[in-house]
C-alpha atoms as a PDB file:
ATOM      1  CA  MET A   1      11.449  20.262 -24.372  1.00  0.00           C
ATOM      2  CA  PRO A   2      13.221  17.672 -22.189  1.00  0.00           C
ATOM      3  CA  ASN A   3      14.200  14.394 -23.773  1.00  0.00           C
ATOM      4  CA  TYR A   4      12.080  11.478 -22.524  1.00  0.00           C
ATOM      5  CA  THR A   5      12.583   7.782 -23.038  1.00  0.00           C
ATOM      6  CA  SER A   6       9.982   5.500 -21.538  1.00  0.00           C
ATOM      7  CA  PRO A   7      10.736   2.061 -20.093  1.00  0.00           C
ATOM      8  CA  THR A   8       9.026   0.600 -23.173  1.00  0.00           C
ATOM      9  CA  GLY A   9      11.169   2.609 -25.616  1.00  0.00           C
ATOM     10  CA  TYR A  10       8.340   4.871 -26.792  1.00  0.00           C
ATOM     11  CA  SER A  11       9.367   7.606 -29.207  1.00  0.00           C
ATOM     12  CA  PRO A  12       7.454  10.903 -28.901  1.00  0.00           C
ATOM     13  CA  TYR A  13       7.917  11.676 -32.594  1.00  0.00           C
ATOM     14  CA  ASN A  14       5.440   9.236 -34.145  1.00  0.00           C
ATOM     15  CA  GLU A  15       2.439  11.526 -34.826  1.00  0.00           C
ATOM     16  CA  GLN A  16       0.022   9.926 -32.341  1.00  0.00           C
ATOM     17  CA  LEU A  17      -2.662  11.934 -30.592  1.00  0.00           C
ATOM     18  CA  THR A  18      -1.080  13.666 -27.647  1.00  0.00           C
ATOM     19  CA  SER A  19      -2.031  15.049 -24.254  1.00  0.00           C
ATOM     20  CA  SER A  20      -0.323  17.924 -22.527  1.00  0.00           C
ATOM     21  CA  VAL A  21       0.334  17.246 -18.859  1.00  0.00           C
ATOM     22  CA  SER A  22       1.551  19.872 -16.450  1.00  0.00           C
ATOM     23  CA  HIS A  23       4.348  18.138 -14.593  1.00  0.00           C
ATOM     24  CA  PRO A  24       6.618  19.570 -11.884  1.00  0.00           C
ATOM     25  CA  VAL A  25       9.604  19.268 -14.198  1.00  0.00           C
ATOM     26  CA  GLY A  26       7.912  20.708 -17.300  1.00  0.00           C
ATOM     27  CA  THR A  27       5.065  20.205 -19.737  1.00  0.00           C
ATOM     28  CA  TRP A  28       5.057  16.810 -21.402  1.00  0.00           C
ATOM     29  CA  ILE A  29       3.341  16.266 -24.732  1.00  0.00           C
ATOM     30  CA  TYR A  30       2.878  12.532 -25.274  1.00  0.00           C
ATOM     31  CA  PRO A  31      -0.029  10.177 -25.795  1.00  0.00           C
ATOM     32  CA  LEU A  32      -1.056   9.418 -22.217  1.00  0.00           C
ATOM     33  CA  THR A  33      -3.565   7.259 -20.416  1.00  0.00           C
ATOM     34  CA  THR A  34      -5.330   9.080 -17.598  1.00  0.00           C
ATOM     35  CA  GLN A  35      -6.909   7.418 -14.565  1.00  0.00           C
ATOM     36  CA  ILE A  36      -9.095   9.428 -12.172  1.00  0.00           C
ATOM     37  CA  ASP A  37     -10.187   8.298  -8.700  1.00  0.00           C
ATOM     38  CA  TYR A  38     -12.980  10.289  -7.049  1.00  0.00           C
ATOM     39  CA  GLN A  39     -12.963   8.240  -3.800  1.00  0.00           C
ATOM     40  CA  GLY A  40     -16.778   8.280  -3.712  1.00  0.00           C
ATOM     41  CA  GLY A  41     -17.140  12.065  -4.125  1.00  0.00           C
ATOM     42  CA  THR A  42     -17.559  14.420  -7.061  1.00  0.00           C
ATOM     43  CA  ALA A  43     -14.050  15.916  -7.059  1.00  0.00           C
ATOM     44  CA  ALA A  44     -10.988  14.065  -8.319  1.00  0.00           C
ATOM     45  CA  ILE A  45      -8.694  13.011  -5.480  1.00  0.00           C
ATOM     46  CA  TYR A  46      -6.091  11.045  -7.454  1.00  0.00           C
ATOM     47  CA  VAL A  47      -5.153  11.623 -11.103  1.00  0.00           C
ATOM     48  CA  GLY A  48      -2.642   9.317 -12.758  1.00  0.00           C
ATOM     49  CA  TYR A  49      -0.790   9.632 -16.064  1.00  0.00           C
ATOM     50  CA  ALA A  50       0.980   6.846 -17.967  1.00  0.00           C
ATOM     51  CA  LEU A  51       1.818   5.734 -21.480  1.00  0.00           C
ATOM     52  CA  PRO A  52      -1.001   3.785 -23.190  1.00  0.00           C
ATOM     53  CA  GLY A  53      -0.967   0.104 -22.313  1.00  0.00           C
ATOM     54  CA  THR A  54       0.555   0.596 -18.859  1.00  0.00           C
ATOM     55  CA  SER A  55      -1.180  -1.725 -16.414  1.00  0.00           C
ATOM     56  CA  ILE A  56      -2.639  -0.214 -13.245  1.00  0.00           C
ATOM     57  CA  SER A  57      -0.579  -2.750 -11.288  1.00  0.00           C
ATOM     58  CA  SER A  58       2.797  -1.995 -12.883  1.00  0.00           C
ATOM     59  CA  GLN A  59       5.263   0.871 -12.637  1.00  0.00           C
ATOM     60  CA  GLY A  60       4.890   3.642 -15.181  1.00  0.00           C
ATOM     61  CA  TRP A  61       2.602   6.181 -13.489  1.00  0.00           C
ATOM     62  CA  ALA A  62       2.958   9.796 -12.355  1.00  0.00           C
ATOM     63  CA  ILE A  63       0.177  10.364  -9.812  1.00  0.00           C
ATOM     64  CA  GLN A  64      -1.271  13.604  -8.434  1.00  0.00           C
ATOM     65  CA  PHE A  65      -3.028  13.853  -5.071  1.00  0.00           C
ATOM     66  CA  ILE A  66      -5.401  16.824  -4.918  1.00  0.00           C
ATOM     67  CA  ILE A  67      -6.328  18.464  -1.600  1.00  0.00           C
ATOM     68  CA  TYR A  68      -9.507  20.551  -1.300  1.00  0.00           C
ATOM     69  CA  ASP A  69     -10.883  22.989   1.269  1.00  0.00           C
ATOM     70  CA  GLY A  70     -14.363  22.649   2.807  1.00  0.00           C
ATOM     71  CA  ASN A  71     -15.919  24.504  -0.149  1.00  0.00           C
ATOM     72  CA  GLY A  72     -14.440  22.200  -2.794  1.00  0.00           C
ATOM     73  CA  ASN A  73     -11.713  24.608  -3.882  1.00  0.00           C
ATOM     74  CA  THR A  74      -8.305  23.131  -4.679  1.00  0.00           C
ATOM     75  CA  LEU A  75      -5.782  23.930  -1.946  1.00  0.00           C
ATOM     76  CA  SER A  76      -2.812  22.047  -3.347  1.00  0.00           C
ATOM     77  CA  THR A  77      -1.676  19.385  -5.744  1.00  0.00           C
ATOM     78  CA  GLN A  78       0.979  16.972  -4.564  1.00  0.00           C
ATOM     79  CA  TRP A  79       2.888  14.363  -6.558  1.00  0.00           C
ATOM     80  CA  SER A  80       3.720  10.725  -5.916  1.00  0.00           C
ATOM     81  CA  PRO A  81       7.289   9.782  -4.902  1.00  0.00           C
ATOM     82  CA  LEU A  82       8.500   8.636  -8.351  1.00  0.00           C
ATOM     83  CA  TYR A  83       6.491  11.107 -10.481  1.00  0.00           C
ATOM     84  CA  TYR A  84       9.608  12.435 -12.233  1.00  0.00           C
ATOM     85  CA  SER A  85      10.350   9.046 -13.813  1.00  0.00           C
ATOM     86  CA  PHE A  86       6.759   7.839 -14.175  1.00  0.00           C
ATOM     87  CA  GLY A  87       7.792   5.081 -11.763  1.00  0.00           C
ATOM     88  CA  ASP A  88       4.776   4.712  -9.464  1.00  0.00           C
ATOM     89  CA  VAL A  89       1.981   2.104  -9.529  1.00  0.00           C
ATOM     90  CA  TRP A  90      -1.615   3.314  -9.929  1.00  0.00           C
ATOM     91  CA  ALA A  91      -2.969   0.421  -7.844  1.00  0.00           C
ATOM     92  CA  ASN A  92      -0.840   1.657  -4.897  1.00  0.00           C
ATOM     93  CA  ARG A  93      -2.008   5.298  -5.085  1.00  0.00           C
ATOM     94  CA  VAL A  94      -3.781   5.354  -1.706  1.00  0.00           C
ATOM     95  CA  SER A  95      -0.748   4.047   0.217  1.00  0.00           C
ATOM     96  CA  LEU A  96       1.858   6.336  -1.419  1.00  0.00           C
ATOM     97  CA  LEU A  97       3.344   9.353   0.368  1.00  0.00           C
ATOM     98  CA  TYR A  98       2.767  12.558  -1.584  1.00  0.00           C
ATOM     99  CA  SER A  99       4.682  15.831  -1.459  1.00  0.00           C
END
């Protein structure tokens, strides 16, 4: 598993409850906060992951943008610009460029 050091110095070896997040650079097993934005519908459009205690207005988020077809099937999942370092801001999710 890749070595990960958060901006807050979190150690992944402290026996907290963990979540497994599929990430473009691997599977991360850490305690994570998850934010979901449905944008007024029933399907998640934005899904954000961060360490517990990360403010929605500060850096520390990896954000997914989910694209659906007309039948509600997932077509693709794109990631925010700084997903690899958990460096995006949840509050800015709508204005970010995803790829």
